[in-house]
Amino acid sequence: MRYVTAVLLALSGYIHADLYLHGYRVIPLVGPAFLLQASGSFAIAVLLLFGNALIPRLAAAGLAFGALAGFVMSRTVGIGTFVEQGFDPAPQALISVLAEVAVLALLVVAWRIQASRAGARVTS
């Protein structure tokens, strides 16, 4: 499950890097945020591949949640002067949102499994 989580997080990072390189880098606040999102996603995805430590999982959740929050903000109140509509740019916006939701869902499932296993060890 953590391998799929890592791949989905890297996919989100790739989309943010691609959008950064193809125009978003000139948008105040948004450009640096896309670069940070991409860099962080790649780094944390690598850490997830090599272990199941708590800090990388929390970082993955933070990156996915932050990207989703930025997406919502960019379509509602805006980020600085930047506002977008719907799922533009297509298909990147939709793919990124789906990947980030899946990252969060997989992390919750993994946490629940780990918690139930820990509970089973305590009661045995």
PDB file of N, CA and C in Angstrom:
ATOM      1  N   MET A   1       0.820  -1.189   0.000  1.00  0.00           N
ATOM      2  CA  MET A   1       0.000   0.000   0.000  1.00  0.00           C
ATOM      3  C   MET A   1       0.877   1.271   0.000  1.00  0.00           C
ATOM      4  N   ARG A   2       2.015   1.214   0.692  1.00  0.00           N
ATOM      5  CA  ARG A   2       2.847   2.417   0.717  1.00  0.00           C
ATOM      6  C   ARG A   2       3.493   2.679  -0.632  1.00  0.00           C
ATOM      7  N   TYR A   3       3.710   1.639  -1.447  1.00  0.00           N
ATOM      8  CA  TYR A   3       4.264   1.848  -2.782  1.00  0.00           C
ATOM      9  C   TYR A   3       3.268   2.593  -3.664  1.00  0.00           C
ATOM     10  N   VAL A   4       2.023   2.226  -3.574  1.00  0.00           N
ATOM     11  CA  VAL A   4       0.979   2.922  -4.348  1.00  0.00           C
ATOM     12  C   VAL A   4       0.866   4.360  -3.857  1.00  0.00           C
ATOM     13  N   THR A   5       0.922   4.543  -2.549  1.00  0.00           N
ATOM     14  CA  THR A   5       0.882   5.894  -1.989  1.00  0.00           C
ATOM     15  C   THR A   5       2.045   6.720  -2.526  1.00  0.00           C
ATOM     16  N   ALA A   6       3.235   6.137  -2.558  1.00  0.00           N
ATOM     17  CA  ALA A   6       4.416   6.847  -3.059  1.00  0.00           C
ATOM     18  C   ALA A   6       4.260   7.209  -4.531  1.00  0.00           C
ATOM     19  N   VAL A   7       3.752   6.290  -5.325  1.00  0.00           N
ATOM     20  CA  VAL A   7       3.566   6.555  -6.755  1.00  0.00           C
ATOM     21  C   VAL A   7       2.542   7.675  -6.960  1.00  0.00           C
ATOM     22  N   LEU A   8       1.451   7.636  -6.216  1.00  0.00           N
ATOM     23  CA  LEU A   8       0.423   8.677  -6.356  1.00  0.00           C
ATOM     24  C   LEU A   8       0.936  10.037  -5.897  1.00  0.00           C
ATOM     25  N   LEU A   9       1.726  10.057  -4.847  1.00  0.00           N
ATOM     26  CA  LEU A   9       2.310  11.312  -4.376  1.00  0.00           C
ATOM     27  C   LEU A   9       3.291  11.849  -5.417  1.00  0.00           C
ATOM     28  N   ALA A  10       4.100  10.970  -6.005  1.00  0.00           N
ATOM     29  CA  ALA A  10       5.027  11.385  -7.059  1.00  0.00           C
ATOM     30  C   ALA A  10       4.266  11.876  -8.288  1.00  0.00           C
ATOM     31  N   LEU A  11       3.138  11.262  -8.604  1.00  0.00           N
ATOM     32  CA  LEU A  11       2.315  11.717  -9.729  1.00  0.00           C
ATOM     33  C   LEU A  11       1.834  13.145  -9.489  1.00  0.00           C
ATOM     34  N   SER A  12       1.353  13.411  -8.282  1.00  0.00           N
ATOM     35  CA  SER A  12       0.938  14.771  -7.935  1.00  0.00           C
ATOM     36  C   SER A  12       2.121  15.730  -8.073  1.00  0.00           C
ATOM     37  N   GLY A  13       3.278  15.307  -7.604  1.00  0.00           N
ATOM     38  CA  GLY A  13       4.477  16.128  -7.734  1.00  0.00           C
ATOM     39  C   GLY A  13       4.849  16.390  -9.180  1.00  0.00           C
ATOM     40  N   TYR A  14       4.735  15.361 -10.007  1.00  0.00           N
ATOM     41  CA  TYR A  14       5.047  15.510 -11.427  1.00  0.00           C
ATOM     42  C   TYR A  14       4.111  16.525 -12.084  1.00  0.00           C
ATOM     43  N   ILE A  15       2.836  16.432 -11.776  1.00  0.00           N
ATOM     44  CA  ILE A  15       1.863  17.361 -12.363  1.00  0.00           C
ATOM     45  C   ILE A  15       2.185  18.792 -11.931  1.00  0.00           C
ATOM     46  N   HIS A  16       2.492  18.979 -10.653  1.00  0.00           N
ATOM     47  CA  HIS A  16       2.830  20.325 -10.186  1.00  0.00           C
ATOM     48  C   HIS A  16       4.118  20.827 -10.835  1.00  0.00           C
ATOM     49  N   ALA A  17       5.110  19.957 -11.010  1.00  0.00           N
ATOM     50  CA  ALA A  17       6.356  20.351 -11.670  1.00  0.00           C
ATOM     51  C   ALA A  17       6.112  20.716 -13.129  1.00  0.00           C
ATOM     52  N   ASP A  18       5.307  19.922 -13.815  1.00  0.00           N
ATOM     53  CA  ASP A  18       5.001  20.187 -15.222  1.00  0.00           C
ATOM     54  C   ASP A  18       4.274  21.525 -15.380  1.00  0.00           C
ATOM     55  N   LEU A  19       3.287  21.767 -14.532  1.00  0.00           N
ATOM     56  CA  LEU A  19       2.564  23.039 -14.611  1.00  0.00           C
ATOM     57  C   LEU A  19       3.479  24.210 -14.254  1.00  0.00           C
ATOM     58  N   TYR A  20       4.356  24.005 -13.298  1.00  0.00           N
ATOM     59  CA  TYR A  20       5.327  25.039 -12.942  1.00  0.00           C
ATOM     60  C   TYR A  20       6.178  25.395 -14.154  1.00  0.00           C
ATOM     61  N   LEU A  21       6.704  24.384 -14.831  1.00  0.00           N
ATOM     62  CA  LEU A  21       7.580  24.618 -15.987  1.00  0.00           C
ATOM     63  C   LEU A  21       6.845  25.214 -17.178  1.00  0.00           C
ATOM     64  N   HIS A  22       5.552  24.975 -17.270  1.00  0.00           N
ATOM     65  CA  HIS A  22       4.779  25.436 -18.425  1.00  0.00           C
ATOM     66  C   HIS A  22       3.876  26.618 -18.095  1.00  0.00           C
ATOM     67  N   GLY A  23       4.380  27.534 -17.285  1.00  0.00           N
ATOM     68  CA  GLY A  23       3.684  28.790 -17.108  1.00  0.00           C
ATOM     69  C   GLY A  23       3.387  29.214 -15.684  1.00  0.00           C
ATOM     70  N   TYR A  24       3.220  28.291 -14.781  1.00  0.00           N
ATOM     71  CA  TYR A  24       2.835  28.665 -13.420  1.00  0.00           C
ATOM     72  C   TYR A  24       3.979  29.324 -12.652  1.00  0.00           C
ATOM     73  N   ARG A  25       5.226  29.144 -13.111  1.00  0.00           N
ATOM     74  CA  ARG A  25       6.369  29.699 -12.381  1.00  0.00           C
ATOM     75  C   ARG A  25       6.344  31.215 -12.313  1.00  0.00           C
ATOM     76  N   VAL A  26       5.619  31.872 -13.229  1.00  0.00           N
ATOM     77  CA  VAL A  26       5.574  33.333 -13.243  1.00  0.00           C
ATOM     78  C   VAL A  26       4.433  33.895 -12.400  1.00  0.00           C
ATOM     79  N   ILE A  27       3.603  33.034 -11.823  1.00  0.00           N
ATOM     80  CA  ILE A  27       2.464  33.490 -11.028  1.00  0.00           C
ATOM     81  C   ILE A  27       2.924  33.710  -9.591  1.00  0.00           C
ATOM     82  N   PRO A  28       2.795  34.945  -9.081  1.00  0.00           N
ATOM     83  CA  PRO A  28       3.209  35.201  -7.696  1.00  0.00           C
ATOM     84  C   PRO A  28       2.487  34.277  -6.720  1.00  0.00           C
ATOM     85  N   LEU A  29       3.179  33.835  -5.712  1.00  0.00           N
ATOM     86  CA  LEU A  29       2.721  32.909  -4.673  1.00  0.00           C
ATOM     87  C   LEU A  29       2.492  31.502  -5.210  1.00  0.00           C
ATOM     88  N   VAL A  30       1.819  31.378  -6.312  1.00  0.00           N
ATOM     89  CA  VAL A  30       1.453  30.064  -6.860  1.00  0.00           C
ATOM     90  C   VAL A  30       2.675  29.355  -7.436  1.00  0.00           C
ATOM     91  N   GLY A  31       3.497  30.063  -8.189  1.00  0.00           N
ATOM     92  CA  GLY A  31       4.681  29.443  -8.784  1.00  0.00           C
ATOM     93  C   GLY A  31       5.584  28.799  -7.747  1.00  0.00           C
ATOM     94  N   PRO A  32       6.023  29.564  -6.739  1.00  0.00           N
ATOM     95  CA  PRO A  32       6.862  28.941  -5.703  1.00  0.00           C
ATOM     96  C   PRO A  32       6.149  27.804  -4.961  1.00  0.00           C
ATOM     97  N   ALA A  33       4.850  27.937  -4.759  1.00  0.00           N
ATOM     98  CA  ALA A  33       4.102  26.870  -4.070  1.00  0.00           C
ATOM     99  C   ALA A  33       4.097  25.593  -4.912  1.00  0.00           C
ATOM    100  N   PHE A  34       3.952  25.718  -6.240  1.00  0.00           N
ATOM    101  CA  PHE A  34       3.976  24.544  -7.114  1.00  0.00           C
ATOM    102  C   PHE A  34       5.352  23.889  -7.088  1.00  0.00           C
ATOM    103  N   LEU A  35       6.408  24.700  -7.081  1.00  0.00           N
ATOM    104  CA  LEU A  35       7.762  24.156  -7.028  1.00  0.00           C
ATOM    105  C   LEU A  35       8.005  23.442  -5.700  1.00  0.00           C
ATOM    106  N   LEU A  36       7.558  24.022  -4.618  1.00  0.00           N
ATOM    107  CA  LEU A  36       7.689  23.403  -3.302  1.00  0.00           C
ATOM    108  C   LEU A  36       6.876  22.111  -3.221  1.00  0.00           C
ATOM    109  N   GLN A  37       5.664  22.134  -3.755  1.00  0.00           N
ATOM    110  CA  GLN A  37       4.808  20.937  -3.766  1.00  0.00           C
ATOM    111  C   GLN A  37       5.480  19.807  -4.550  1.00  0.00           C
ATOM    112  N   ALA A  38       6.011  20.141  -5.711  1.00  0.00           N
ATOM    113  CA  ALA A  38       6.661  19.125  -6.544  1.00  0.00           C
ATOM    114  C   ALA A  38       7.890  18.556  -5.843  1.00  0.00           C
ATOM    115  N   SER A  39       8.750  19.424  -5.346  1.00  0.00           N
ATOM    116  CA  SER A  39       9.978  18.980  -4.679  1.00  0.00           C
ATOM    117  C   SER A  39       9.670  18.125  -3.456  1.00  0.00           C
ATOM    118  N   GLY A  40       8.757  18.601  -2.634  1.00  0.00           N
ATOM    119  CA  GLY A  40       8.387  17.855  -1.435  1.00  0.00           C
ATOM    120  C   GLY A  40       7.766  16.515  -1.761  1.00  0.00           C
ATOM    121  N   SER A  41       6.914  16.494  -2.773  1.00  0.00           N
ATOM    122  CA  SER A  41       6.245  15.244  -3.145  1.00  0.00           C
ATOM    123  C   SER A  41       7.242  14.198  -3.623  1.00  0.00           C
ATOM    124  N   PHE A  42       8.207  14.617  -4.446  1.00  0.00           N
ATOM    125  CA  PHE A  42       9.216  13.666  -4.921  1.00  0.00           C
ATOM    126  C   PHE A  42      10.059  13.142  -3.752  1.00  0.00           C
ATOM    127  N   ALA A  43      10.488  14.039  -2.884  1.00  0.00           N
ATOM    128  CA  ALA A  43      11.336  13.637  -1.760  1.00  0.00           C
ATOM    129  C   ALA A  43      10.604  12.686  -0.814  1.00  0.00           C
ATOM    130  N   ILE A  44       9.387  13.011  -0.470  1.00  0.00           N
ATOM    131  CA  ILE A  44       8.625  12.170   0.460  1.00  0.00           C
ATOM    132  C   ILE A  44       8.247  10.843  -0.198  1.00  0.00           C
ATOM    133  N   ALA A  45       7.966  10.854  -1.494  1.00  0.00           N
ATOM    134  CA  ALA A  45       7.656   9.604  -2.193  1.00  0.00           C
ATOM    135  C   ALA A  45       8.840   8.647  -2.096  1.00  0.00           C
ATOM    136  N   VAL A  46      10.051   9.155  -2.256  1.00  0.00           N
ATOM    137  CA  VAL A  46      11.247   8.310  -2.138  1.00  0.00           C
ATOM    138  C   VAL A  46      11.362   7.751  -0.721  1.00  0.00           C
ATOM    139  N   LEU A  47      11.123   8.602   0.283  1.00  0.00           N
ATOM    140  CA  LEU A  47      11.202   8.128   1.667  1.00  0.00           C
ATOM    141  C   LEU A  47      10.152   7.050   1.943  1.00  0.00           C
ATOM    142  N   LEU A  48       8.967   7.194   1.370  1.00  0.00           N
ATOM    143  CA  LEU A  48       7.920   6.181   1.555  1.00  0.00           C
ATOM    144  C   LEU A  48       8.323   4.837   0.943  1.00  0.00           C
ATOM    145  N   LEU A  49       9.079   4.883  -0.146  1.00  0.00           N
ATOM    146  CA  LEU A  49       9.515   3.632  -0.781  1.00  0.00           C
ATOM    147  C   LEU A  49      10.470   2.842   0.100  1.00  0.00           C
ATOM    148  N   PHE A  50      11.231   3.540   0.947  1.00  0.00           N
ATOM    149  CA  PHE A  50      12.272   2.881   1.725  1.00  0.00           C
ATOM    150  C   PHE A  50      11.898   2.619   3.174  1.00  0.00           C
ATOM    151  N   GLY A  51      10.700   2.967   3.566  1.00  0.00           N
ATOM    152  CA  GLY A  51      10.338   2.703   4.951  1.00  0.00           C
ATOM    153  C   GLY A  51       8.907   3.116   5.239  1.00  0.00           C
ATOM    154  N   ASN A  52       8.478   2.754   6.417  1.00  0.00           N
ATOM    155  CA  ASN A  52       7.097   3.018   6.806  1.00  0.00           C
ATOM    156  C   ASN A  52       7.056   3.881   8.070  1.00  0.00           C
ATOM    157  N   ALA A  53       8.006   4.820   8.168  1.00  0.00           N
ATOM    158  CA  ALA A  53       8.109   5.659   9.355  1.00  0.00           C
ATOM    159  C   ALA A  53       6.961   6.666   9.413  1.00  0.00           C
ATOM    160  N   LEU A  54       6.684   7.130  10.595  1.00  0.00           N
ATOM    161  CA  LEU A  54       5.568   8.040  10.825  1.00  0.00           C
ATOM    162  C   LEU A  54       5.779   9.400  10.160  1.00  0.00           C
ATOM    163  N   ILE A  55       6.961   9.972  10.255  1.00  0.00           N
ATOM    164  CA  ILE A  55       7.210  11.325   9.740  1.00  0.00           C
ATOM    165  C   ILE A  55       6.965  11.414   8.230  1.00  0.00           C
ATOM    166  N   PRO A  56       7.482  10.507   7.402  1.00  0.00           N
ATOM    167  CA  PRO A  56       7.166  10.596   5.970  1.00  0.00           C
ATOM    168  C   PRO A  56       5.675  10.433   5.675  1.00  0.00           C
ATOM    169  N   ARG A  57       4.990   9.587   6.450  1.00  0.00           N
ATOM    170  CA  ARG A  57       3.548   9.423   6.228  1.00  0.00           C
ATOM    171  C   ARG A  57       2.801  10.707   6.586  1.00  0.00           C
ATOM    172  N   LEU A  58       3.208  11.343   7.675  1.00  0.00           N
ATOM    173  CA  LEU A  58       2.588  12.624   8.039  1.00  0.00           C
ATOM    174  C   LEU A  58       2.906  13.696   7.003  1.00  0.00           C
ATOM    175  N   ALA A  59       4.126  13.706   6.510  1.00  0.00           N
ATOM    176  CA  ALA A  59       4.509  14.670   5.474  1.00  0.00           C
ATOM    177  C   ALA A  59       3.712  14.437   4.196  1.00  0.00           C
ATOM    178  N   ALA A  60       3.511  13.178   3.828  1.00  0.00           N
ATOM    179  CA  ALA A  60       2.712  12.857   2.641  1.00  0.00           C
ATOM    180  C   ALA A  60       1.288  13.364   2.814  1.00  0.00           C
ATOM    181  N   ALA A  61       0.721  13.152   3.990  1.00  0.00           N
ATOM    182  CA  ALA A  61      -0.634  13.642   4.265  1.00  0.00           C
ATOM    183  C   ALA A  61      -0.675  15.162   4.189  1.00  0.00           C
ATOM    184  N   GLY A  62       0.330  15.812   4.749  1.00  0.00           N
ATOM    185  CA  GLY A  62       0.375  17.272   4.709  1.00  0.00           C
ATOM    186  C   GLY A  62       0.494  17.813   3.296  1.00  0.00           C
ATOM    187  N   LEU A  63       1.324  17.169   2.476  1.00  0.00           N
ATOM    188  CA  LEU A  63       1.464  17.602   1.083  1.00  0.00           C
ATOM    189  C   LEU A  63       0.164  17.419   0.307  1.00  0.00           C
ATOM    190  N   ALA A  64      -0.461  16.263   0.464  1.00  0.00           N
ATOM    191  CA  ALA A  64      -1.712  16.002  -0.254  1.00  0.00           C
ATOM    192  C   ALA A  64      -2.810  16.951   0.214  1.00  0.00           C
ATOM    193  N   PHE A  65      -2.929  17.126   1.533  1.00  0.00           N
ATOM    194  CA  PHE A  65      -3.949  18.027   2.062  1.00  0.00           C
ATOM    195  C   PHE A  65      -3.681  19.468   1.635  1.00  0.00           C
ATOM    196  N   GLY A  66      -2.425  19.879   1.682  1.00  0.00           N
ATOM    197  CA  GLY A  66      -2.066  21.239   1.265  1.00  0.00           C
ATOM    198  C   GLY A  66      -2.379  21.498  -0.199  1.00  0.00           C
ATOM    199  N   ALA A  67      -2.101  20.517  -1.049  1.00  0.00           N
ATOM    200  CA  ALA A  67      -2.405  20.674  -2.474  1.00  0.00           C
ATOM    201  C   ALA A  67      -3.915  20.784  -2.692  1.00  0.00           C
ATOM    202  N   LEU A  68      -4.672  19.965  -1.979  1.00  0.00           N
ATOM    203  CA  LEU A  68      -6.135  20.041  -2.102  1.00  0.00           C
ATOM    204  C   LEU A  68      -6.669  21.366  -1.575  1.00  0.00           C
ATOM    205  N   ALA A  69      -6.112  21.840  -0.480  1.00  0.00           N
ATOM    206  CA  ALA A  69      -6.534  23.135   0.067  1.00  0.00           C
ATOM    207  C   ALA A  69      -6.218  24.257  -0.918  1.00  0.00           C
ATOM    208  N   GLY A  70      -5.039  24.206  -1.524  1.00  0.00           N
ATOM    209  CA  GLY A  70      -4.677  25.199  -2.534  1.00  0.00           C
ATOM    210  C   GLY A  70      -5.602  25.150  -3.734  1.00  0.00           C
ATOM    211  N   PHE A  71      -5.977  23.939  -4.130  1.00  0.00           N
ATOM    212  CA  PHE A  71      -6.907  23.783  -5.250  1.00  0.00           C
ATOM    213  C   PHE A  71      -8.240  24.447  -4.928  1.00  0.00           C
ATOM    214  N   VAL A  72      -8.766  24.172  -3.747  1.00  0.00           N
ATOM    215  CA  VAL A  72     -10.046  24.758  -3.339  1.00  0.00           C
ATOM    216  C   VAL A  72      -9.929  26.275  -3.244  1.00  0.00           C
ATOM    217  N   MET A  73      -8.863  26.755  -2.641  1.00  0.00           N
ATOM    218  CA  MET A  73      -8.677  28.206  -2.520  1.00  0.00           C
ATOM    219  C   MET A  73      -8.595  28.880  -3.886  1.00  0.00           C
ATOM    220  N   SER A  74      -7.893  28.244  -4.823  1.00  0.00           N
ATOM    221  CA  SER A  74      -7.718  28.857  -6.143  1.00  0.00           C
ATOM    222  C   SER A  74      -9.029  28.929  -6.920  1.00  0.00           C
ATOM    223  N   ARG A  75     -10.014  28.174  -6.486  1.00  0.00           N
ATOM    224  CA  ARG A  75     -11.309  28.178  -7.165  1.00  0.00           C
ATOM    225  C   ARG A  75     -12.398  28.906  -6.373  1.00  0.00           C
ATOM    226  N   THR A  76     -12.056  29.364  -5.204  1.00  0.00           N
ATOM    227  CA  THR A  76     -13.042  30.074  -4.379  1.00  0.00           C
ATOM    228  C   THR A  76     -12.543  31.489  -4.086  1.00  0.00           C
ATOM    229  N   VAL A  77     -11.749  31.655  -3.064  1.00  0.00           N
ATOM    230  CA  VAL A  77     -11.290  32.985  -2.648  1.00  0.00           C
ATOM    231  C   VAL A  77     -10.079  33.468  -3.430  1.00  0.00           C
ATOM    232  N   GLY A  78      -9.409  32.564  -4.123  1.00  0.00           N
ATOM    233  CA  GLY A  78      -8.210  32.908  -4.872  1.00  0.00           C
ATOM    234  C   GLY A  78      -6.970  32.842  -3.998  1.00  0.00           C
ATOM    235  N   ILE A  79      -5.833  32.816  -4.655  1.00  0.00           N
ATOM    236  CA  ILE A  79      -4.537  32.835  -3.982  1.00  0.00           C
ATOM    237  C   ILE A  79      -3.833  34.077  -4.522  1.00  0.00           C
ATOM    238  N   GLY A  80      -3.811  35.127  -3.720  1.00  0.00           N
ATOM    239  CA  GLY A  80      -3.350  36.418  -4.224  1.00  0.00           C
ATOM    240  C   GLY A  80      -4.332  36.882  -5.289  1.00  0.00           C
ATOM    241  N   THR A  81      -3.830  37.103  -6.482  1.00  0.00           N
ATOM    242  CA  THR A  81      -4.693  37.500  -7.600  1.00  0.00           C
ATOM    243  C   THR A  81      -5.038  36.312  -8.503  1.00  0.00           C
ATOM    244  N   PHE A  82      -4.579  35.136  -8.134  1.00  0.00           N
ATOM    245  CA  PHE A  82      -4.751  33.942  -8.974  1.00  0.00           C
ATOM    246  C   PHE A  82      -6.067  33.239  -8.651  1.00  0.00           C
ATOM    247  N   VAL A  83      -6.899  33.079  -9.683  1.00  0.00           N
ATOM    248  CA  VAL A  83      -8.165  32.355  -9.555  1.00  0.00           C
ATOM    249  C   VAL A  83      -8.336  31.493 -10.801  1.00  0.00           C
ATOM    250  N   GLU A  84      -8.767  30.253 -10.597  1.00  0.00           N
ATOM    251  CA  GLU A  84      -9.077  29.365 -11.714  1.00  0.00           C
ATOM    252  C   GLU A  84     -10.508  28.881 -11.580  1.00  0.00           C
ATOM    253  N   GLN A  85     -11.005  28.271 -12.638  1.00  0.00           N
ATOM    254  CA  GLN A  85     -12.371  27.770 -12.663  1.00  0.00           C
ATOM    255  C   GLN A  85     -12.381  26.270 -12.911  1.00  0.00           C
ATOM    256  N   GLY A  86     -13.291  25.573 -12.237  1.00  0.00           N
ATOM    257  CA  GLY A  86     -13.518  24.152 -12.496  1.00  0.00           C
ATOM    258  C   GLY A  86     -12.257  23.319 -12.402  1.00  0.00           C
ATOM    259  N   PHE A  87     -12.116  22.400 -13.343  1.00  0.00           N
ATOM    260  CA  PHE A  87     -10.960  21.507 -13.353  1.00  0.00           C
ATOM    261  C   PHE A  87      -9.980  21.889 -14.451  1.00  0.00           C
ATOM    262  N   ASP A  88      -9.786  23.191 -14.628  1.00  0.00           N
ATOM    263  CA  ASP A  88      -8.747  23.676 -15.533  1.00  0.00           C
ATOM    264  C   ASP A  88      -7.487  23.883 -14.731  1.00  0.00           C
ATOM    265  N   PRO A  89      -6.345  23.584 -15.249  1.00  0.00           N
ATOM    266  CA  PRO A  89      -6.080  23.045 -16.568  1.00  0.00           C
ATOM    267  C   PRO A  89      -6.432  21.557 -16.647  1.00  0.00           C
ATOM    268  N   ALA A  90      -7.029  21.185 -17.729  1.00  0.00           N
ATOM    269  CA  ALA A  90      -7.459  19.796 -17.928  1.00  0.00           C
ATOM    270  C   ALA A  90      -6.396  19.057 -18.736  1.00  0.00           C
ATOM    271  N   PRO A  91      -6.133  17.829 -18.446  1.00  0.00           N
ATOM    272  CA  PRO A  91      -6.690  16.980 -17.404  1.00  0.00           C
ATOM    273  C   PRO A  91      -5.898  17.021 -16.093  1.00  0.00           C
ATOM    274  N   GLN A  92      -4.842  17.867 -16.035  1.00  0.00           N
ATOM    275  CA  GLN A  92      -3.940  17.852 -14.888  1.00  0.00           C
ATOM    276  C   GLN A  92      -4.655  18.095 -13.556  1.00  0.00           C
ATOM    277  N   ALA A  93      -5.584  19.043 -13.532  1.00  0.00           N
ATOM    278  CA  ALA A  93      -6.251  19.372 -12.266  1.00  0.00           C
ATOM    279  C   ALA A  93      -7.006  18.161 -11.718  1.00  0.00           C
ATOM    280  N   LEU A  94      -7.769  17.508 -12.550  1.00  0.00           N
ATOM    281  CA  LEU A  94      -8.545  16.346 -12.108  1.00  0.00           C
ATOM    282  C   LEU A  94      -7.641  15.203 -11.663  1.00  0.00           C
ATOM    283  N   ILE A  95      -6.624  14.918 -12.448  1.00  0.00           N
ATOM    284  CA  ILE A  95      -5.707  13.826 -12.099  1.00  0.00           C
ATOM    285  C   ILE A  95      -5.016  14.120 -10.769  1.00  0.00           C
ATOM    286  N   SER A  96      -4.577  15.360 -10.591  1.00  0.00           N
ATOM    287  CA  SER A  96      -3.913  15.740  -9.354  1.00  0.00           C
ATOM    288  C   SER A  96      -4.846  15.606  -8.152  1.00  0.00           C
ATOM    289  N   VAL A  97      -6.073  16.090  -8.284  1.00  0.00           N
ATOM    290  CA  VAL A  97      -7.040  15.989  -7.182  1.00  0.00           C
ATOM    291  C   VAL A  97      -7.311  14.527  -6.839  1.00  0.00           C
ATOM    292  N   LEU A  98      -7.516  13.704  -7.852  1.00  0.00           N
ATOM    293  CA  LEU A  98      -7.774  12.282  -7.599  1.00  0.00           C
ATOM    294  C   LEU A  98      -6.579  11.612  -6.917  1.00  0.00           C
ATOM    295  N   ALA A  99      -5.375  11.938  -7.370  1.00  0.00           N
ATOM    296  CA  ALA A  99      -4.169  11.350  -6.764  1.00  0.00           C
ATOM    297  C   ALA A  99      -4.039  11.779  -5.305  1.00  0.00           C
ATOM    298  N   GLU A 100      -4.303  13.044  -5.016  1.00  0.00           N
ATOM    299  CA  GLU A 100      -4.154  13.544  -3.642  1.00  0.00           C
ATOM    300  C   GLU A 100      -5.225  12.967  -2.713  1.00  0.00           C
ATOM    301  N   VAL A 101      -6.442  12.842  -3.206  1.00  0.00           N
ATOM    302  CA  VAL A 101      -7.499  12.208  -2.399  1.00  0.00           C
ATOM    303  C   VAL A 101      -7.131  10.749  -2.134  1.00  0.00           C
ATOM    304  N   ALA A 102      -6.613  10.068  -3.149  1.00  0.00           N
ATOM    305  CA  ALA A 102      -6.219   8.668  -2.987  1.00  0.00           C
ATOM    306  C   ALA A 102      -5.068   8.532  -1.994  1.00  0.00           C
ATOM    307  N   VAL A 103      -4.106   9.457  -2.015  1.00  0.00           N
ATOM    308  CA  VAL A 103      -3.002   9.429  -1.048  1.00  0.00           C
ATOM    309  C   VAL A 103      -3.567   9.508   0.366  1.00  0.00           C
ATOM    310  N   LEU A 104      -4.462  10.458   0.596  1.00  0.00           N
ATOM    311  CA  LEU A 104      -5.052  10.599   1.933  1.00  0.00           C
ATOM    312  C   LEU A 104      -5.840   9.352   2.328  1.00  0.00           C
ATOM    313  N   ALA A 105      -6.616   8.810   1.401  1.00  0.00           N
ATOM    314  CA  ALA A 105      -7.416   7.612   1.698  1.00  0.00           C
ATOM    315  C   ALA A 105      -6.509   6.427   2.033  1.00  0.00           C
ATOM    316  N   LEU A 106      -5.456   6.227   1.262  1.00  0.00           N
ATOM    317  CA  LEU A 106      -4.540   5.116   1.517  1.00  0.00           C
ATOM    318  C   LEU A 106      -3.820   5.278   2.855  1.00  0.00           C
ATOM    319  N   LEU A 107      -3.448   6.499   3.181  1.00  0.00           N
ATOM    320  CA  LEU A 107      -2.794   6.728   4.476  1.00  0.00           C
ATOM    321  C   LEU A 107      -3.743   6.444   5.635  1.00  0.00           C
ATOM    322  N   VAL A 108      -5.017   6.802   5.496  1.00  0.00           N
ATOM    323  CA  VAL A 108      -5.995   6.513   6.543  1.00  0.00           C
ATOM    324  C   VAL A 108      -6.201   5.009   6.676  1.00  0.00           C
ATOM    325  N   VAL A 109      -6.324   4.317   5.550  1.00  0.00           N
ATOM    326  CA  VAL A 109      -6.499   2.860   5.586  1.00  0.00           C
ATOM    327  C   VAL A 109      -5.286   2.201   6.240  1.00  0.00           C
ATOM    328  N   ALA A 110      -4.084   2.627   5.859  1.00  0.00           N
ATOM    329  CA  ALA A 110      -2.864   2.049   6.451  1.00  0.00           C
ATOM    330  C   ALA A 110      -2.818   2.321   7.952  1.00  0.00           C
ATOM    331  N   TRP A 111      -3.200   3.516   8.364  1.00  0.00           N
ATOM    332  CA  TRP A 111      -3.219   3.846   9.789  1.00  0.00           C
ATOM    333  C   TRP A 111      -4.216   2.969  10.539  1.00  0.00           C
ATOM    334  N   ARG A 112      -5.400   2.771   9.938  1.00  0.00           N
ATOM    335  CA  ARG A 112      -6.424   1.926  10.581  1.00  0.00           C
ATOM    336  C   ARG A 112      -5.952   0.485  10.707  1.00  0.00           C
ATOM    337  N   ILE A 113      -5.306  -0.025   9.676  1.00  0.00           N
ATOM    338  CA  ILE A 113      -4.783  -1.395   9.728  1.00  0.00           C
ATOM    339  C   ILE A 113      -3.722  -1.506  10.814  1.00  0.00           C
ATOM    340  N   GLN A 114      -2.823  -0.550  10.852  1.00  0.00           N
ATOM    341  CA  GLN A 114      -1.766  -0.566  11.860  1.00  0.00           C
ATOM    342  C   GLN A 114      -2.356  -0.461  13.265  1.00  0.00           C
ATOM    343  N   ALA A 115      -3.366   0.377  13.434  1.00  0.00           N
ATOM    344  CA  ALA A 115      -3.998   0.537  14.747  1.00  0.00           C
ATOM    345  C   ALA A 115      -4.712  -0.742  15.168  1.00  0.00           C
ATOM    346  N   SER A 116      -5.364  -1.412  14.229  1.00  0.00           N
ATOM    347  CA  SER A 116      -6.065  -2.645  14.585  1.00  0.00           C
ATOM    348  C   SER A 116      -5.083  -3.763  14.918  1.00  0.00           C
ATOM    349  N   ARG A 117      -3.955  -3.803  14.223  1.00  0.00           N
ATOM    350  CA  ARG A 117      -2.925  -4.794  14.542  1.00  0.00           C
ATOM    351  C   ARG A 117      -2.319  -4.529  15.915  1.00  0.00           C
ATOM    352  N   ALA A 118      -2.095  -3.259  16.228  1.00  0.00           N
ATOM    353  CA  ALA A 118      -1.547  -2.907  17.541  1.00  0.00           C
ATOM    354  C   ALA A 118      -2.546  -3.270  18.624  1.00  0.00           C
ATOM    355  N   GLY A 119      -3.826  -3.047  18.379  1.00  0.00           N
ATOM    356  CA  GLY A 119      -4.866  -3.405  19.349  1.00  0.00           C
ATOM    357  C   GLY A 119      -4.949  -4.893  19.527  1.00  0.00           C
ATOM    358  N   ALA A 120      -4.775  -5.660  18.457  1.00  0.00           N
ATOM    359  CA  ALA A 120      -4.820  -7.118  18.548  1.00  0.00           C
ATOM    360  C   ALA A 120      -3.638  -7.638  19.350  1.00  0.00           C
ATOM    361  N   ARG A 121      -2.470  -7.004  19.244  1.00  0.00           N
ATOM    362  CA  ARG A 121      -1.297  -7.429  20.011  1.00  0.00           C
ATOM    363  C   ARG A 121      -1.482  -7.148  21.496  1.00  0.00           C
ATOM    364  N   VAL A 122      -2.136  -6.050  21.799  1.00  0.00           N
ATOM    365  CA  VAL A 122      -2.342  -5.678  23.199  1.00  0.00           C
ATOM    366  C   VAL A 122      -3.301  -6.649  23.872  1.00  0.00           C
ATOM    367  N   THR A 123      -4.344  -7.094  23.161  1.00  0.00           N
ATOM    368  CA  THR A 123      -5.351  -7.979  23.755  1.00  0.00           C
ATOM    369  C   THR A 123      -4.909  -9.438  23.781  1.00  0.00           C
ATOM    370  N   SER A 124      -3.855  -9.810  23.047  1.00  0.00           N
ATOM    371  CA  SER A 124      -3.429 -11.220  23.039  1.00  0.00           C
ATOM    372  C   SER A 124      -2.591 -11.575  24.229  1.00  0.00           C
TER     373      SER A 124
END
